C-alpha atoms as a PDB file:
ATOM      1  CA  MET A   1     -31.564 -51.852  48.967  1.00  0.00           C
ATOM      2  CA  SER A   2     -34.061 -49.648  47.186  1.00  0.00           C
ATOM      3  CA  SER A   3     -33.619 -48.818  43.517  1.00  0.00           C
ATOM      4  CA  ARG A   4     -33.101 -45.136  44.450  1.00  0.00           C
ATOM      5  CA  LYS A   5     -30.197 -46.020  46.733  1.00  0.00           C
ATOM      6  CA  SER A   6     -28.726 -48.238  44.033  1.00  0.00           C
ATOM      7  CA  VAL A   7     -28.749 -45.386  41.518  1.00  0.00           C
ATOM      8  CA  LEU A   8     -27.136 -42.992  43.985  1.00  0.00           C
ATOM      9  CA  LEU A   9     -24.470 -45.545  44.823  1.00  0.00           C
ATOM     10  CA  ALA A  10     -23.743 -46.130  41.138  1.00  0.00           C
ATOM     11  CA  VAL A  11     -23.448 -42.396  40.484  1.00  0.00           C
ATOM     12  CA  ALA A  12     -21.113 -41.978  43.454  1.00  0.00           C
ATOM     13  CA  VAL A  13     -18.903 -44.806  42.199  1.00  0.00           C
ATOM     14  CA  VAL A  14     -18.715 -43.231  38.736  1.00  0.00           C
ATOM     15  CA  ILE A  15     -17.749 -39.829  40.206  1.00  0.00           C
ATOM     16  CA  ILE A  16     -15.086 -41.435  42.393  1.00  0.00           C
ATOM     17  CA  LEU A  17     -13.675 -43.281  39.380  1.00  0.00           C
ATOM     18  CA  ILE A  18     -13.586 -40.080  37.322  1.00  0.00           C
ATOM     19  CA  ILE A  19     -11.795 -38.196  40.117  1.00  0.00           C
ATOM     20  CA  ALA A  20      -9.383 -41.069  40.671  1.00  0.00           C
ATOM     21  CA  GLY A  21      -8.707 -41.379  36.941  1.00  0.00           C
ATOM     22  CA  GLY A  22      -8.106 -37.644  36.624  1.00  0.00           C
ATOM     23  CA  ALA A  23      -5.766 -37.642  39.588  1.00  0.00           C
ATOM     24  CA  TYR A  24      -3.841 -40.592  38.157  1.00  0.00           C
ATOM     25  CA  TYR A  25      -3.538 -38.881  34.730  1.00  0.00           C
ATOM     26  CA  TRP A  26      -2.303 -35.661  36.337  1.00  0.00           C
ATOM     27  CA  TRP A  27       0.217 -37.625  38.420  1.00  0.00           C
ATOM     28  CA  GLN A  28       1.476 -39.498  35.381  1.00  0.00           C
ATOM     29  CA  THR A  29       1.780 -36.437  33.168  1.00  0.00           C
ATOM     30  CA  SER A  30       3.495 -34.428  35.897  1.00  0.00           C
ATOM     31  CA  LEU A  31       6.139 -37.126  36.122  1.00  0.00           C
ATOM     32  CA  THR A  32       6.642 -37.244  32.334  1.00  0.00           C
ATOM     33  CA  PRO A  33       9.401 -34.785  31.379  1.00  0.00           C
ATOM     34  CA  LYS A  34       8.224 -32.218  28.840  1.00  0.00           C
ATOM     35  CA  GLU A  35      10.460 -31.221  25.979  1.00  0.00           C
ATOM     36  CA  GLU A  36      11.894 -27.794  26.729  1.00  0.00           C
ATOM     37  CA  VAL A  37      11.930 -25.386  23.811  1.00  0.00           C
ATOM     38  CA  ILE A  38      12.855 -21.779  23.101  1.00  0.00           C
ATOM     39  CA  LYS A  39      10.316 -19.991  20.924  1.00  0.00           C
ATOM     40  CA  ILE A  40      11.741 -17.200  18.810  1.00  0.00           C
ATOM     41  CA  GLY A  41       9.486 -14.770  16.984  1.00  0.00           C
ATOM     42  CA  PHE A  42      10.730 -13.879  13.514  1.00  0.00           C
ATOM     43  CA  ILE A  43       9.358 -10.645  12.037  1.00  0.00           C
ATOM     44  CA  ALA A  44       9.739 -10.027   8.293  1.00  0.00           C
ATOM     45  CA  PRO A  45       7.790  -8.715   5.272  1.00  0.00           C
ATOM     46  CA  LEU A  46       6.407 -12.086   4.147  1.00  0.00           C
ATOM     47  CA  SER A  47       3.817 -10.391   1.943  1.00  0.00           C
ATOM     48  CA  GLY A  48       3.538  -7.018   0.260  1.00  0.00           C
ATOM     49  CA  ALA A  49       6.119  -4.975  -1.630  1.00  0.00           C
ATOM     50  CA  ALA A  50       9.184  -6.598  -0.057  1.00  0.00           C
ATOM     51  CA  ALA A  51       7.867 -10.166   0.048  1.00  0.00           C
ATOM     52  CA  ASP A  52      10.716 -11.486  -2.092  1.00  0.00           C
ATOM     53  CA  ILE A  53      13.265 -10.196   0.412  1.00  0.00           C
ATOM     54  CA  GLY A  54      11.137 -11.499   3.273  1.00  0.00           C
ATOM     55  CA  LYS A  55      11.167 -14.935   1.678  1.00  0.00           C
ATOM     56  CA  ASP A  56      14.967 -14.944   1.553  1.00  0.00           C
ATOM     57  CA  LEU A  57      15.143 -13.830   5.192  1.00  0.00           C
ATOM     58  CA  ARG A  58      12.732 -16.590   6.214  1.00  0.00           C
ATOM     59  CA  ILE A  59      14.724 -19.263   4.391  1.00  0.00           C
ATOM     60  CA  GLY A  60      17.919 -18.085   6.043  1.00  0.00           C
ATOM     61  CA  ALA A  61      16.340 -18.076   9.508  1.00  0.00           C
ATOM     62  CA  GLU A  62      14.829 -21.522   9.053  1.00  0.00           C
ATOM     63  CA  LYS A  63      18.138 -22.909   7.863  1.00  0.00           C
ATOM     64  CA  ALA A  64      19.941 -21.435  10.877  1.00  0.00           C
ATOM     65  CA  VAL A  65      17.380 -22.928  13.269  1.00  0.00           C
ATOM     66  CA  GLU A  66      17.718 -26.323  11.583  1.00  0.00           C
ATOM     67  CA  GLU A  67      21.501 -26.292  11.948  1.00  0.00           C
ATOM     68  CA  ILE A  68      21.362 -25.178  15.581  1.00  0.00           C
ATOM     69  CA  ASN A  69      18.782 -27.817  16.498  1.00  0.00           C
ATOM     70  CA  ASN A  70      20.778 -30.545  14.736  1.00  0.00           C
ATOM     71  CA  ALA A  71      23.768 -29.502  16.834  1.00  0.00           C
ATOM     72  CA  GLY A  72      21.825 -29.872  20.073  1.00  0.00           C
ATOM     73  CA  GLY A  73      19.947 -26.601  20.268  1.00  0.00           C
ATOM     74  CA  ILE A  74      20.765 -23.884  22.779  1.00  0.00           C
ATOM     75  CA  LEU A  75      21.589 -25.143  26.292  1.00  0.00           C
ATOM     76  CA  GLY A  76      20.021 -28.416  25.249  1.00  0.00           C
ATOM     77  CA  LYS A  77      16.750 -26.775  24.283  1.00  0.00           C
ATOM     78  CA  LYS A  78      15.206 -27.002  20.830  1.00  0.00           C
ATOM     79  CA  ILE A  79      14.455 -23.765  18.983  1.00  0.00           C
ATOM     80  CA  ILE A  80      11.039 -23.202  17.461  1.00  0.00           C
ATOM     81  CA  LEU A  81      10.758 -20.348  14.944  1.00  0.00           C
ATOM     82  CA  VAL A  82       7.395 -18.576  14.899  1.00  0.00           C
ATOM     83  CA  LEU A  83       6.874 -16.415  11.807  1.00  0.00           C
ATOM     84  CA  GLY A  84       5.261 -12.983  11.850  1.00  0.00           C
ATOM     85  CA  ASP A  85       4.396 -11.030   8.684  1.00  0.00           C
ATOM     86  CA  ASP A  86       4.786  -7.261   9.101  1.00  0.00           C
ATOM     87  CA  GLN A  87       3.691  -6.566   5.487  1.00  0.00           C
ATOM     88  CA  SER A  88       6.306  -3.749   5.415  1.00  0.00           C
ATOM     89  CA  LYS A  89       4.014  -1.687   7.678  1.00  0.00           C
ATOM     90  CA  PRO A  90       5.068  -0.374  11.123  1.00  0.00           C
ATOM     91  CA  GLU A  91       1.541  -0.623  12.555  1.00  0.00           C
ATOM     92  CA  VAL A  92       1.281  -4.249  11.434  1.00  0.00           C
ATOM     93  CA  GLY A  93       4.706  -4.934  12.886  1.00  0.00           C
ATOM     94  CA  ILE A  94       3.483  -3.708  16.279  1.00  0.00           C
ATOM     95  CA  SER A  95       0.458  -6.051  16.183  1.00  0.00           C
ATOM     96  CA  VAL A  96       2.619  -8.966  15.069  1.00  0.00           C
ATOM     97  CA  ALA A  97       5.117  -8.376  17.878  1.00  0.00           C
ATOM     98  CA  GLU A  98       2.312  -8.215  20.454  1.00  0.00           C
ATOM     99  CA  LYS A  99       0.878 -11.504  19.194  1.00  0.00           C
ATOM    100  CA  LEU A 100       4.243 -13.270  19.125  1.00  0.00           C
ATOM    101  CA  ILE A 101       4.895 -12.286  22.747  1.00  0.00           C
ATOM    102  CA  THR A 102       1.462 -12.595  24.354  1.00  0.00           C
ATOM    103  CA  GLN A 103      -0.140 -15.424  22.353  1.00  0.00           C
ATOM    104  CA  GLU A 104       2.753 -17.428  20.947  1.00  0.00           C
ATOM    105  CA  GLU A 105       4.813 -16.944  24.129  1.00  0.00           C
ATOM    106  CA  CYS A 106       8.015 -16.132  22.252  1.00  0.00           C
ATOM    107  CA  LYS A 107      10.879 -15.193  24.531  1.00  0.00           C
ATOM    108  CA  ILE A 108      12.974 -13.485  21.855  1.00  0.00           C
ATOM    109  CA  LEU A 109      12.100 -11.435  18.761  1.00  0.00           C
ATOM    110  CA  THR A 110      14.369 -11.131  15.747  1.00  0.00           C
ATOM    111  CA  GLY A 111      14.337 -10.443  12.017  1.00  0.00           C
ATOM    112  CA  VAL A 112      13.038  -6.998  10.924  1.00  0.00           C
ATOM    113  CA  PHE A 113      14.004  -5.767   7.462  1.00  0.00           C
ATOM    114  CA  HIS A 114      12.502  -2.272   7.438  1.00  0.00           C
ATOM    115  CA  SER A 115      13.901   0.281   9.855  1.00  0.00           C
ATOM    116  CA  SER A 116      10.494   1.926  10.275  1.00  0.00           C
ATOM    117  CA  VAL A 117       9.108  -1.411  11.481  1.00  0.00           C
ATOM    118  CA  GLY A 118      12.087  -1.940  13.772  1.00  0.00           C
ATOM    119  CA  ILE A 119      11.722   1.484  15.380  1.00  0.00           C
ATOM    120  CA  ALA A 120       8.023   0.805  16.008  1.00  0.00           C
ATOM    121  CA  VAL A 121       8.559  -2.707  17.408  1.00  0.00           C
ATOM    122  CA  MET A 122      11.228  -1.437  19.807  1.00  0.00           C
ATOM    123  CA  ASP A 123       8.512  -0.111  22.108  1.00  0.00           C
ATOM    124  CA  VAL A 124       6.717  -3.468  22.194  1.00  0.00           C
ATOM    125  CA  ALA A 125       9.915  -5.284  23.142  1.00  0.00           C
ATOM    126  CA  ALA A 126      10.624  -2.661  25.797  1.00  0.00           C
ATOM    127  CA  LYS A 127       7.095  -2.971  27.195  1.00  0.00           C
ATOM    128  CA  TYR A 128       7.448  -6.713  27.808  1.00  0.00           C
ATOM    129  CA  LYS A 129      11.198  -6.627  28.466  1.00  0.00           C
ATOM    130  CA  ILE A 130      11.771  -9.105  25.635  1.00  0.00           C
ATOM    131  CA  PRO A 131      15.080  -9.078  23.716  1.00  0.00           C
ATOM    132  CA  LEU A 132      14.688  -7.751  20.183  1.00  0.00           C
ATOM    133  CA  ILE A 133      17.612  -8.628  17.921  1.00  0.00           C
ATOM    134  CA  ILE A 134      17.258  -6.502  14.772  1.00  0.00           C
ATOM    135  CA  SER A 135      19.181  -8.444  12.174  1.00  0.00           C
ATOM    136  CA  THR A 136      18.800  -6.398   8.989  1.00  0.00           C
ATOM    137  CA  ALA A 137      17.297  -2.929   9.526  1.00  0.00           C
ATOM    138  CA  ALA A 138      20.178  -0.456   9.521  1.00  0.00           C
ATOM    139  CA  SER A 139      18.785   2.979  10.299  1.00  0.00           C
ATOM    140  CA  THR A 140      21.005   5.101  12.513  1.00  0.00           C
ATOM    141  CA  GLU A 141      17.777   6.231  14.220  1.00  0.00           C
ATOM    142  CA  ILE A 142      17.524   2.836  15.944  1.00  0.00           C
ATOM    143  CA  GLY A 143      20.690   3.446  17.926  1.00  0.00           C
ATOM    144  CA  LYS A 144      19.687   7.047  18.595  1.00  0.00           C
ATOM    145  CA  LYS A 145      16.392   5.867  20.062  1.00  0.00           C
ATOM    146  CA  VAL A 146      18.203   3.476  22.409  1.00  0.00           C
ATOM    147  CA  LEU A 147      20.367   6.350  23.642  1.00  0.00           C
ATOM    148  CA  THR A 148      17.305   8.471  24.468  1.00  0.00           C
ATOM    149  CA  ASN A 149      16.391   6.013  27.236  1.00  0.00           C
ATOM    150  CA  TYR A 150      18.903   3.207  27.656  1.00  0.00           C
ATOM    151  CA  GLU A 151      17.170   1.677  30.691  1.00  0.00           C
ATOM    152  CA  LYS A 152      13.975   1.279  28.668  1.00  0.00           C
ATOM    153  CA  TYR A 153      15.579   0.069  25.437  1.00  0.00           C
ATOM    154  CA  LYS A 154      18.425  -2.015  26.850  1.00  0.00           C
ATOM    155  CA  TYR A 155      16.744  -5.126  25.412  1.00  0.00           C
ATOM    156  CA  ILE A 156      17.279  -3.899  21.835  1.00  0.00           C
ATOM    157  CA  PHE A 157      20.238  -5.066  19.741  1.00  0.00           C
ATOM    158  CA  GLN A 158      21.066  -3.944  16.190  1.00  0.00           C
ATOM    159  CA  THR A 159      23.462  -6.427  14.579  1.00  0.00           C
ATOM    160  CA  ASN A 160      23.864  -4.707  11.213  1.00  0.00           C
ATOM    161  CA  ILE A 161      26.183  -1.767  10.632  1.00  0.00           C
ATOM    162  CA  ASN A 162      23.978   1.308  10.704  1.00  0.00           C
ATOM    163  CA  SER A 163      23.203   3.276   7.553  1.00  0.00           C
ATOM    164  CA  THR A 164      25.670   6.034   8.388  1.00  0.00           C
ATOM    165  CA  GLY A 165      28.495   3.531   8.727  1.00  0.00           C
ATOM    166  CA  TRP A 166      27.627   1.833   5.452  1.00  0.00           C
ATOM    167  CA  GLN A 167      27.497   5.076   3.492  1.00  0.00           C
ATOM    168  CA  LEU A 168      30.737   6.432   4.947  1.00  0.00           C
ATOM    169  CA  ALA A 169      32.361   3.185   3.857  1.00  0.00           C
ATOM    170  CA  TYR A 170      31.406   4.188   0.289  1.00  0.00           C
ATOM    171  CA  ILE A 171      32.163   7.874   0.654  1.00  0.00           C
ATOM    172  CA  TYR A 172      35.654   7.673   2.155  1.00  0.00           C
ATOM    173  CA  PRO A 173      37.270   5.812  -0.772  1.00  0.00           C
ATOM    174  CA  VAL A 174      35.903   8.442  -3.176  1.00  0.00           C
ATOM    175  CA  GLN A 175      37.168  11.201  -0.909  1.00  0.00           C
ATOM    176  CA  TYR A 176      40.570   9.508  -0.708  1.00  0.00           C
ATOM    177  CA  ILE A 177      41.132   9.307  -4.457  1.00  0.00           C
ATOM    178  CA  LEU A 178      40.082  12.954  -4.767  1.00  0.00           C
ATOM    179  CA  ASP A 179      42.446  14.028  -1.978  1.00  0.00           C
ATOM    180  CA  GLN A 180      45.314  12.045  -3.524  1.00  0.00           C
ATOM    181  CA  GLY A 181      44.711  13.505  -6.974  1.00  0.00           C
ATOM    182  CA  LEU A 182      44.058  10.051  -8.400  1.00  0.00           C
ATOM    183  CA  TRP A 183      40.873  11.329 -10.001  1.00  0.00           C
ATOM    184  CA  LYS A 184      40.290  14.843 -11.274  1.00  0.00           C
ATOM    185  CA  PRO A 185      36.618  15.185 -12.289  1.00  0.00           C
ATOM    186  CA  LYS A 186      35.716  17.585 -15.079  1.00  0.00           C
ATOM    187  CA  THR A 187      32.840  18.925 -12.995  1.00  0.00           C
ATOM    188  CA  TYR A 188      31.906  18.627  -9.356  1.00  0.00           C
ATOM    189  CA  LYS A 189      28.354  17.583 -10.025  1.00  0.00           C
ATOM    190  CA  LEU A 190      26.628  14.715  -8.268  1.00  0.00           C
ATOM    191  CA  ALA A 191      23.410  12.813  -9.084  1.00  0.00           C
ATOM    192  CA  ILE A 192      21.746  10.645  -6.448  1.00  0.00           C
ATOM    193  CA  LEU A 193      19.334   7.818  -7.247  1.00  0.00           C
ATOM    194  CA  ALA A 194      17.785   5.761  -4.458  1.00  0.00           C
ATOM    195  CA  GLU A 195      15.005   3.289  -3.875  1.00  0.00           C
ATOM    196  CA  ASP A 196      11.951   4.456  -1.975  1.00  0.00           C
ATOM    197  CA  THR A 197      12.733   2.628   1.271  1.00  0.00           C
ATOM    198  CA  ASP A 198      14.014   3.643   4.704  1.00  0.00           C
ATOM    199  CA  TRP A 199      17.483   2.572   3.604  1.00  0.00           C
ATOM    200  CA  GLY A 200      17.378   4.350   0.248  1.00  0.00           C
ATOM    201  CA  ARG A 201      16.088   7.667   1.580  1.00  0.00           C
ATOM    202  CA  ALA A 202      18.589   7.718   4.437  1.00  0.00           C
ATOM    203  CA  SER A 203      21.438   6.979   2.024  1.00  0.00           C
ATOM    204  CA  ALA A 204      20.365   9.743  -0.346  1.00  0.00           C
ATOM    205  CA  GLU A 205      20.133  12.286   2.465  1.00  0.00           C
ATOM    206  CA  LEU A 206      23.580  11.441   3.828  1.00  0.00           C
ATOM    207  CA  TRP A 207      25.258  11.670   0.413  1.00  0.00           C
ATOM    208  CA  LYS A 208      23.530  14.933  -0.370  1.00  0.00           C
ATOM    209  CA  ASN A 209      24.603  16.534   2.916  1.00  0.00           C
ATOM    210  CA  TYR A 210      28.193  15.272   2.792  1.00  0.00           C
ATOM    211  CA  TRP A 211      29.035  16.317  -0.762  1.00  0.00           C
ATOM    212  CA  THR A 212      27.177  19.621  -0.523  1.00  0.00           C
ATOM    213  CA  GLN A 213      29.444  20.500   2.402  1.00  0.00           C
ATOM    214  CA  LYS A 214      32.426  19.544   0.244  1.00  0.00           C
ATOM    215  CA  GLY A 215      31.385  22.059  -2.407  1.00  0.00           C
ATOM    216  CA  TRP A 216      29.771  19.656  -4.885  1.00  0.00           C
ATOM    217  CA  GLU A 217      26.601  20.558  -6.761  1.00  0.00           C
ATOM    218  CA  VAL A 218      23.868  17.966  -6.255  1.00  0.00           C
ATOM    219  CA  THR A 219      22.065  18.323  -9.557  1.00  0.00           C
ATOM    220  CA  ILE A 220      19.564  15.466  -9.329  1.00  0.00           C
ATOM    221  CA  VAL A 221      18.004  13.541  -6.451  1.00  0.00           C
ATOM    222  CA  GLU A 222      15.590  10.830  -7.588  1.00  0.00           C
ATOM    223  CA  VAL A 223      13.819   8.508  -5.148  1.00  0.00           C
ATOM    224  CA  THR A 224      12.159   5.785  -7.196  1.00  0.00           C
ATOM    225  CA  SER A 225      10.390   2.461  -6.874  1.00  0.00           C
ATOM    226  CA  PRO A 226      12.694  -0.343  -5.675  1.00  0.00           C
ATOM    227  CA  ASP A 227      11.541  -2.310  -8.734  1.00  0.00           C
ATOM    228  CA  LEU A 228      12.471   0.325 -11.313  1.00  0.00           C
ATOM    229  CA  THR A 229      14.201  -1.121 -14.382  1.00  0.00           C
ATOM    230  CA  ASP A 230      13.869   1.755 -16.853  1.00  0.00           C
ATOM    231  CA  PHE A 231      16.506   4.389 -16.120  1.00  0.00           C
ATOM    232  CA  TYR A 232      16.830   5.794 -19.654  1.00  0.00           C
ATOM    233  CA  SER A 233      15.120   9.147 -19.060  1.00  0.00           C
ATOM    234  CA  ILE A 234      16.889   9.756 -15.733  1.00  0.00           C
ATOM    235  CA  LEU A 235      20.283   8.822 -17.164  1.00  0.00           C
ATOM    236  CA  THR A 236      19.727  11.064 -20.183  1.00  0.00           C
ATOM    237  CA  ARG A 237      19.117  14.027 -17.860  1.00  0.00           C
ATOM    238  CA  ILE A 238      22.193  13.107 -15.831  1.00  0.00           C
ATOM    239  CA  LYS A 239      24.326  13.017 -18.959  1.00  0.00           C
ATOM    240  CA  ASP A 240      22.947  16.339 -20.228  1.00  0.00           C
ATOM    241  CA  LYS A 241      23.805  18.057 -16.925  1.00  0.00           C
ATOM    242  CA  GLY A 242      27.445  16.975 -17.085  1.00  0.00           C
ATOM    243  CA  VAL A 243      27.318  14.890 -13.901  1.00  0.00           C
ATOM    244  CA  THR A 244      30.612  13.174 -13.051  1.00  0.00           C
ATOM    245  CA  LEU A 245      29.587  11.211  -9.951  1.00  0.00           C
ATOM    246  CA  ILE A 246      26.443   9.092  -9.577  1.00  0.00           C
ATOM    247  CA  LYS A 247      25.288   7.454  -6.369  1.00  0.00           C
ATOM    248  CA  ALA A 248      22.735   4.693  -7.004  1.00  0.00           C
ATOM    249  CA  GLU A 249      21.300   2.851  -3.988  1.00  0.00           C
ATOM    250  CA  TYR A 250      19.196  -0.170  -4.965  1.00  0.00           C
ATOM    251  CA  SER A 251      18.802  -3.518  -3.225  1.00  0.00           C
ATOM    252  CA  LYS A 252      17.242  -5.727  -5.902  1.00  0.00           C
ATOM    253  CA  PRO A 253      19.528  -7.446  -8.438  1.00  0.00           C
ATOM    254  CA  PRO A 254      17.223  -6.873 -11.475  1.00  0.00           C
ATOM    255  CA  THR A 255      17.199  -3.139 -10.734  1.00  0.00           C
ATOM    256  CA  GLN A 256      20.970  -3.044 -10.250  1.00  0.00           C
ATOM    257  CA  ALA A 257      21.572  -4.949 -13.490  1.00  0.00           C
ATOM    258  CA  ALA A 258      19.239  -2.680 -15.475  1.00  0.00           C
ATOM    259  CA  PHE A 259      20.958   0.429 -14.130  1.00  0.00           C
ATOM    260  CA  VAL A 260      24.474  -0.754 -15.037  1.00  0.00           C
ATOM    261  CA  GLN A 261      23.424  -1.980 -18.475  1.00  0.00           C
ATOM    262  CA  GLN A 262      21.658   1.271 -19.360  1.00  0.00           C
ATOM    263  CA  CYS A 263      24.599   3.355 -18.116  1.00  0.00           C
ATOM    264  CA  ARG A 264      26.778   1.496 -20.606  1.00  0.00           C
ATOM    265  CA  GLU A 265      24.267   1.808 -23.416  1.00  0.00           C
ATOM    266  CA  LEU A 266      24.037   5.591 -22.944  1.00  0.00           C
ATOM    267  CA  ASP A 267      27.773   5.944 -22.276  1.00  0.00           C
ATOM    268  CA  VAL A 268      27.147   7.628 -18.924  1.00  0.00           C
END
């Protein structure tokens, strides 16, 4: 046999071995059962102005996933949580949702703290027909958007009570004690303070509209930073105007504590 034929024969043998080895590997791996998982995309403000809240949401979600997986998962499948940082920006939330669905292959989206982000992400979920379970965002506009085109947005679920429901839960007790004569205010003047968030602005608007219709004078409406801790000047103005009812809508404990303490200091 010539040396040329020997080389060709050797090359052919190598190719056959490679093909045979590849076929055997494919056959073996196809027979090996793969672990089935459910990937859930979790959208939250993990950086930016609301990063501290996003951190708490992430910890809660991770703990829930751990408990579910320890109990056997869902239908025997392990849950994998894939995090997405919306940075408190609707446009970023849209990009994050797209990535979680198309690149990370998440079959469900959840989380969402800001209503503006939730409203924006709704269209992404509708586009891919992926369930979006909005766990925290409470804007009434979310439900209204679903009703504009139920067939399109039937994959959207809002688990929190909407902002209108929450605020009426605060308003009705005040209205009750007024109706029953249990409280007779010296003046019918209202001051509204709220954090500069979707939640805060919606709350302020609802309170303003409700009590204005009831004949109250809304003397002050202040929308401030969620991190505000110095209320002295605002409270001084409130006191000078003879306000008898104050609505303060703040989410962060340091802000809440500062507000209550300064009210006491100024005898408001």
